[in-house]
């Protein structure tokens, strides 16, 4: 398998974070992978055979283009021989700004056709153009040019989201309260703005970002033994059962089952974002 992560154009830093590009040779064996939740939207362009994708109990086939997210559940997919895939990983409210669709309509367990969302053939036409280009760098340049052409500016109602970035990096500060005080809005108004721009609440994001740090720590520390009590204290969980509850909520598995998955080597953890 040949895979690489390519950083987004600096001009699109608040739209998407990176491209994930992967290819399989025609004689390669199918490769099964798991992508852990990252609470972001992704847009996939598939130029090879159909790719089976499972989210929870739901099974799909990605043919040409597909939208997934917000990624709140583990995604299992299989790269067949001859796979040729580009995945655009959005950040902040970049997906909402590019496609201009209501974020509340998205379910974590579904896969969407972007042209059905827009009721026009924009992305099928874009796929046709990309498929005719042999060089990966030229494909990524076309994707960046497309995004620069169609992405909308940040809406005034989204400014609290953009201003929240420093608060989410500082665990001692309650981002919801800080933003409510700054903008003279109620906490509920802040939550609703997050729902509209991201598809989930600020409270949900706070919970996930702590868990994401746990996953990153375990990934970096593996295969060293884990001191679970120290982990509970390090990431400010109430107790061990509180940590286990988050593993079940986000991954539908126990901490030890997660370590067993790591040992198999087929788990993908999204790279740290520029913002949170």
Protein backbone atom coordinates (compact mmCIF):
# COMPACT_ATOMS: atom_id res chain seq x y z
CA UNK A 1 0.00 0.00 0.00
CA UNK A 2 1.22 3.47 -0.87
CA UNK A 3 -0.33 6.11 1.37
CA UNK A 4 0.48 9.69 2.26
CA UNK A 5 -0.98 12.64 4.12
CA UNK A 6 -0.71 15.96 2.28
CA UNK A 7 -1.27 19.20 4.16
CA UNK A 8 -3.95 21.53 2.84
CA UNK A 9 -3.10 24.71 0.99
CA UNK A 10 -2.44 27.43 3.60
CA UNK A 11 -5.25 29.51 2.10
CA UNK A 12 -7.67 26.70 3.00
CA UNK A 13 -6.37 26.05 6.52
CA UNK A 14 -9.77 26.79 8.08
CA UNK A 15 -11.64 24.68 5.50
CA UNK A 16 -9.84 21.36 5.51
CA UNK A 17 -6.74 20.11 7.29
CA UNK A 18 -5.26 17.57 4.88
CA UNK A 19 -5.71 15.07 2.07
CA UNK A 20 -5.29 11.37 2.77
CA UNK A 21 -4.18 9.62 -0.44
CA UNK A 22 -3.84 5.86 -0.80
CA UNK A 23 -3.20 3.44 -3.65
CA UNK A 24 -3.00 -0.35 -3.87
CA UNK A 25 -1.27 -2.27 -6.66
CA UNK A 26 -3.36 -4.57 -8.85
CA UNK A 27 -1.80 -7.67 -7.25
CA UNK A 28 -2.14 -6.47 -3.64
CA UNK A 29 -4.24 -8.32 -1.07
CA UNK A 30 -7.33 -6.52 0.27
CA UNK A 31 -6.41 -4.42 3.32
CA UNK A 32 -8.90 -3.95 6.15
CA UNK A 33 -8.53 -0.76 8.21
CA UNK A 34 -10.35 1.02 11.02
CA UNK A 35 -10.59 4.79 11.30
CA UNK A 36 -11.29 6.04 14.81
CA UNK A 37 -13.69 8.97 15.42
CA UNK A 38 -12.38 12.49 14.83
CA UNK A 39 -15.69 14.44 14.79
CA UNK A 40 -14.89 15.87 11.38
CA UNK A 41 -16.47 15.60 7.92
CA UNK A 42 -14.70 13.78 5.11
CA UNK A 43 -15.25 13.77 1.36
CA UNK A 44 -13.95 10.71 -0.51
CA UNK A 45 -13.06 10.46 -4.20
CA UNK A 46 -12.64 6.84 -5.28
CA UNK A 47 -10.96 6.17 -8.64
CA UNK A 48 -10.56 2.42 -8.20
CA UNK A 49 -12.87 -0.52 -7.40
CA UNK A 50 -15.76 -0.12 -4.98
CA UNK A 51 -14.70 0.19 -1.33
CA UNK A 52 -16.79 -1.57 1.34
CA UNK A 53 -17.42 0.65 4.36
CA UNK A 54 -19.08 -0.27 7.67
CA UNK A 55 -20.24 2.17 10.35
CA UNK A 56 -21.74 0.33 13.30
CA UNK A 57 -24.35 -2.04 11.88
CA UNK A 58 -24.62 -0.17 8.56
CA UNK A 59 -22.77 -1.38 5.44
CA UNK A 60 -22.09 0.74 2.35
CA UNK A 61 -20.14 0.68 -0.91
CA UNK A 62 -18.19 3.80 -1.89
CA UNK A 63 -18.15 4.01 -5.68
CA UNK A 64 -17.13 7.46 -6.95
CA UNK A 65 -17.79 10.12 -4.32
CA UNK A 66 -19.05 9.95 -0.75
CA UNK A 67 -19.54 12.20 2.26
CA UNK A 68 -19.11 10.73 5.74
CA UNK A 69 -19.45 12.41 9.09
CA UNK A 70 -19.33 13.93 11.48
CA UNK A 71 -17.13 10.93 12.27
CA UNK A 72 -18.49 10.03 15.70
CA UNK A 73 -18.21 6.25 15.29
CA UNK A 74 -15.50 3.80 14.24
CA UNK A 75 -15.40 3.33 10.46
CA UNK A 76 -14.21 -0.01 9.08
CA UNK A 77 -13.24 -0.13 5.41
CA UNK A 78 -11.44 -2.49 3.04
CA UNK A 79 -9.02 -1.32 0.37
CA UNK A 80 -9.18 -3.73 -2.59
CA UNK A 81 -6.44 -4.43 -5.12
CA UNK A 82 -6.13 -1.44 -7.46
CA UNK A 83 -7.51 1.00 -4.89
CA UNK A 84 -6.99 4.66 -5.77
CA UNK A 85 -8.50 6.98 -3.16
CA UNK A 86 -8.31 10.62 -2.10
CA UNK A 87 -10.00 11.69 1.13
CA UNK A 88 -10.50 15.37 1.98
CA UNK A 89 -10.51 15.85 5.77
CA UNK A 90 -12.42 18.98 6.70
CA UNK A 91 -11.83 21.06 9.82
CA UNK A 92 -13.83 23.58 11.86
CA UNK A 93 -16.91 24.56 9.83
CA UNK A 94 -15.16 24.13 6.48
CA UNK A 95 -17.60 21.52 5.17
CA UNK A 96 -20.57 23.79 5.92
CA UNK A 97 -18.83 26.69 4.19
CA UNK A 98 -18.04 24.66 1.06
CA UNK A 99 -21.28 22.72 0.53
CA UNK A 100 -23.61 25.19 2.27
CA UNK A 101 -25.93 22.47 3.55
CA UNK A 102 -27.62 22.23 6.99
CA UNK A 103 -25.35 20.24 9.28
CA UNK A 104 -28.20 18.96 11.45
CA UNK A 105 -29.25 16.58 8.64
CA UNK A 106 -26.15 14.42 8.99
CA UNK A 107 -26.14 11.20 10.99
CA UNK A 108 -22.91 9.63 12.27
CA UNK A 109 -23.86 6.22 10.87
CA UNK A 110 -24.68 7.20 7.27
CA UNK A 111 -22.84 7.76 3.99
CA UNK A 112 -24.07 10.46 1.59
CA UNK A 113 -23.74 11.27 -2.09
CA UNK A 114 -22.60 14.94 -2.23
CA UNK A 115 -24.54 15.58 -5.45
CA UNK A 116 -27.75 14.34 -3.82
CA UNK A 117 -27.10 16.75 -0.95
CA UNK A 118 -26.73 19.63 -3.40
CA UNK A 119 -29.31 18.41 -5.94
CA UNK A 120 -26.82 19.00 -8.77
CA UNK A 121 -23.95 17.11 -10.41
CA UNK A 122 -21.08 19.28 -9.18
CA UNK A 123 -19.00 16.52 -7.60
CA UNK A 124 -19.63 13.93 -10.32
CA UNK A 125 -18.28 16.46 -12.82
CA UNK A 126 -15.32 17.14 -10.53
CA UNK A 127 -14.70 13.39 -10.19
CA UNK A 128 -14.61 13.06 -13.99
CA UNK A 129 -11.99 15.80 -14.22
CA UNK A 130 -9.88 14.27 -11.44
CA UNK A 131 -10.08 10.77 -12.93
CA UNK A 132 -8.58 12.04 -16.18
CA UNK A 133 -5.51 13.45 -14.39
CA UNK A 134 -2.67 10.92 -13.87
CA UNK A 135 -0.52 12.82 -11.37
CA UNK A 136 -1.60 13.01 -7.73
CA UNK A 137 -0.15 16.49 -7.22
CA UNK A 138 -2.22 17.82 -10.14
CA UNK A 139 -5.35 16.19 -8.71
CA UNK A 140 -4.78 17.86 -5.33
CA UNK A 141 -4.15 21.20 -7.00
CA UNK A 142 -7.48 20.94 -8.83
CA UNK A 143 -9.27 20.06 -5.57
CA UNK A 144 -7.72 23.07 -3.86
CA UNK A 145 -8.66 25.38 -6.73
CA UNK A 146 -12.23 24.08 -6.62
CA UNK A 147 -12.47 24.74 -2.89
CA UNK A 148 -11.02 28.24 -3.22
CA UNK A 149 -13.55 29.02 -5.93
CA UNK A 150 -16.65 27.89 -4.05
CA UNK A 151 -15.97 28.17 -0.32
CA UNK A 152 -18.05 30.81 1.43
CA UNK A 153 -16.55 33.37 3.82
CA UNK A 154 -17.02 32.88 7.54
CA UNK A 155 -20.54 33.94 8.57
CA UNK A 156 -20.87 36.45 11.44
CA UNK A 157 -22.79 33.82 13.43
CA UNK A 158 -19.74 31.53 13.16
CA UNK A 159 -17.32 33.95 14.83
CA UNK A 160 -17.87 32.37 18.28
CA UNK A 161 -16.80 29.04 16.78
CA UNK A 162 -13.60 30.52 15.37
CA UNK A 163 -12.91 32.40 18.59
CA UNK A 164 -13.42 29.24 20.64
CA UNK A 165 -10.17 27.65 19.43
CA UNK A 166 -7.94 28.93 22.27
CA UNK A 167 -10.53 27.89 24.87
CA UNK A 168 -10.64 24.29 23.62
CA UNK A 169 -6.88 24.07 23.96
CA UNK A 170 -7.06 25.21 27.60
CA UNK A 171 -8.78 22.51 29.64
CA UNK A 172 -9.06 24.77 32.71
CA UNK A 173 -11.49 27.07 30.87
CA UNK A 174 -15.12 26.23 30.09
CA UNK A 175 -15.37 27.22 26.38
CA UNK A 176 -19.16 27.50 26.44
CA UNK A 177 -19.23 29.86 29.40
CA UNK A 178 -16.30 31.90 28.09
CA UNK A 179 -17.93 32.37 24.68
CA UNK A 180 -21.31 33.18 26.23
CA UNK A 181 -19.70 35.88 28.39
CA UNK A 182 -17.67 37.29 25.48
CA UNK A 183 -20.59 37.54 23.05
CA UNK A 184 -23.30 38.25 25.63
CA UNK A 185 -25.21 35.16 24.53
CA UNK A 186 -26.81 32.36 26.50
CA UNK A 187 -24.98 29.01 26.70
CA UNK A 188 -27.89 27.50 24.76
CA UNK A 189 -27.32 29.97 21.91
CA UNK A 190 -23.66 28.94 21.75
CA UNK A 191 -24.67 25.27 21.64
CA UNK A 192 -27.15 25.91 18.83
CA UNK A 193 -24.54 27.76 16.77
CA UNK A 194 -22.16 24.83 17.10
CA UNK A 195 -24.95 22.48 16.01
CA UNK A 196 -25.65 24.61 12.95
CA UNK A 197 -22.00 24.95 11.89
CA UNK A 198 -20.59 21.55 12.90
CA UNK A 199 -23.51 19.20 13.39
CA UNK A 200 -22.88 18.66 17.12
CA UNK A 201 -22.73 20.70 20.31
CA UNK A 202 -19.76 22.35 21.99
CA UNK A 203 -20.36 20.10 25.00
CA UNK A 204 -20.03 17.02 22.80
CA UNK A 205 -16.81 18.37 21.30
CA UNK A 206 -15.32 19.03 24.74
CA UNK A 207 -16.01 15.45 25.76
CA UNK A 208 -14.51 14.05 22.57
CA UNK A 209 -11.35 16.18 22.65
CA UNK A 210 -10.45 14.81 26.07
CA UNK A 211 -10.98 11.26 24.80
CA UNK A 212 -8.92 12.03 21.70
CA UNK A 213 -6.00 12.92 23.98
CA UNK A 214 -6.40 9.56 25.71
CA UNK A 215 -6.24 7.73 22.39
CA UNK A 216 -3.20 9.71 21.30
CA UNK A 217 -1.44 8.92 24.58
CA UNK A 218 -2.17 5.19 24.29
CA UNK A 219 -1.11 5.15 20.65
CA UNK A 220 2.22 6.83 21.47
CA UNK A 221 2.85 4.70 24.57
CA UNK A 222 2.07 1.33 22.98
CA UNK A 223 3.33 -1.37 23.64
CA UNK A 224 4.35 -0.16 27.12
CA UNK A 225 2.06 -1.34 29.97
CA UNK A 226 -0.73 1.10 30.82
CA UNK A 227 -1.23 2.45 34.32
CA UNK A 228 -4.99 2.97 34.12
CA UNK A 229 -5.24 4.84 37.40
CA UNK A 230 -2.57 7.28 36.28
CA UNK A 231 -4.43 7.69 32.98
CA UNK A 232 -7.67 8.51 34.83
CA UNK A 233 -5.90 11.20 36.86
CA UNK A 234 -3.88 12.54 33.93
CA UNK A 235 -6.95 13.27 31.82
CA UNK A 236 -9.27 14.33 34.68
CA UNK A 237 -11.74 11.47 34.61
CA UNK A 238 -13.79 10.90 37.75
CA UNK A 239 -12.76 7.26 38.00
CA UNK A 240 -11.98 4.17 35.95
CA UNK A 241 -15.64 3.50 35.15
CA UNK A 242 -15.94 7.03 33.75
CA UNK A 243 -13.08 6.30 31.33
CA UNK A 244 -14.59 2.95 30.34
CA UNK A 245 -17.89 4.70 29.65
CA UNK A 246 -16.18 6.97 27.11
CA UNK A 247 -14.54 3.98 25.39
CA UNK A 248 -17.94 2.37 24.99
CA UNK A 249 -19.53 5.63 23.85
CA UNK A 250 -16.96 6.54 21.19
CA UNK A 251 -15.52 3.16 20.16
CA UNK A 252 -18.06 0.59 21.36
CA UNK A 253 -15.25 -1.35 23.02
CA UNK A 254 -13.38 -1.55 26.33
CA UNK A 255 -9.91 -0.04 26.87
CA UNK A 256 -8.32 -3.50 26.73
CA UNK A 257 -10.15 -4.34 23.52
CA UNK A 258 -8.76 -1.13 22.06
CA UNK A 259 -5.22 -2.18 23.00
CA UNK A 260 -5.86 -5.52 21.31
CA UNK A 261 -6.87 -3.62 18.15
CA UNK A 262 -3.66 -1.62 18.35
CA UNK A 263 -1.69 -4.86 18.52
CA UNK A 264 -3.23 -5.94 15.21
CA UNK A 265 -1.86 -2.80 13.57
CA UNK A 266 -4.95 -1.91 11.51
CA UNK A 267 -6.14 1.10 13.51
CA UNK A 268 -5.90 4.61 12.05
CA UNK A 269 -5.93 7.62 14.37
CA UNK A 270 -6.41 10.99 12.70
CA UNK A 271 -3.39 13.25 12.84
CA UNK A 272 -3.60 16.13 15.33
CA UNK A 273 -5.32 19.16 13.84
CA UNK A 274 -3.98 22.69 13.73
CA UNK A 275 -6.80 23.97 15.87
CA UNK A 276 -7.89 21.17 18.22
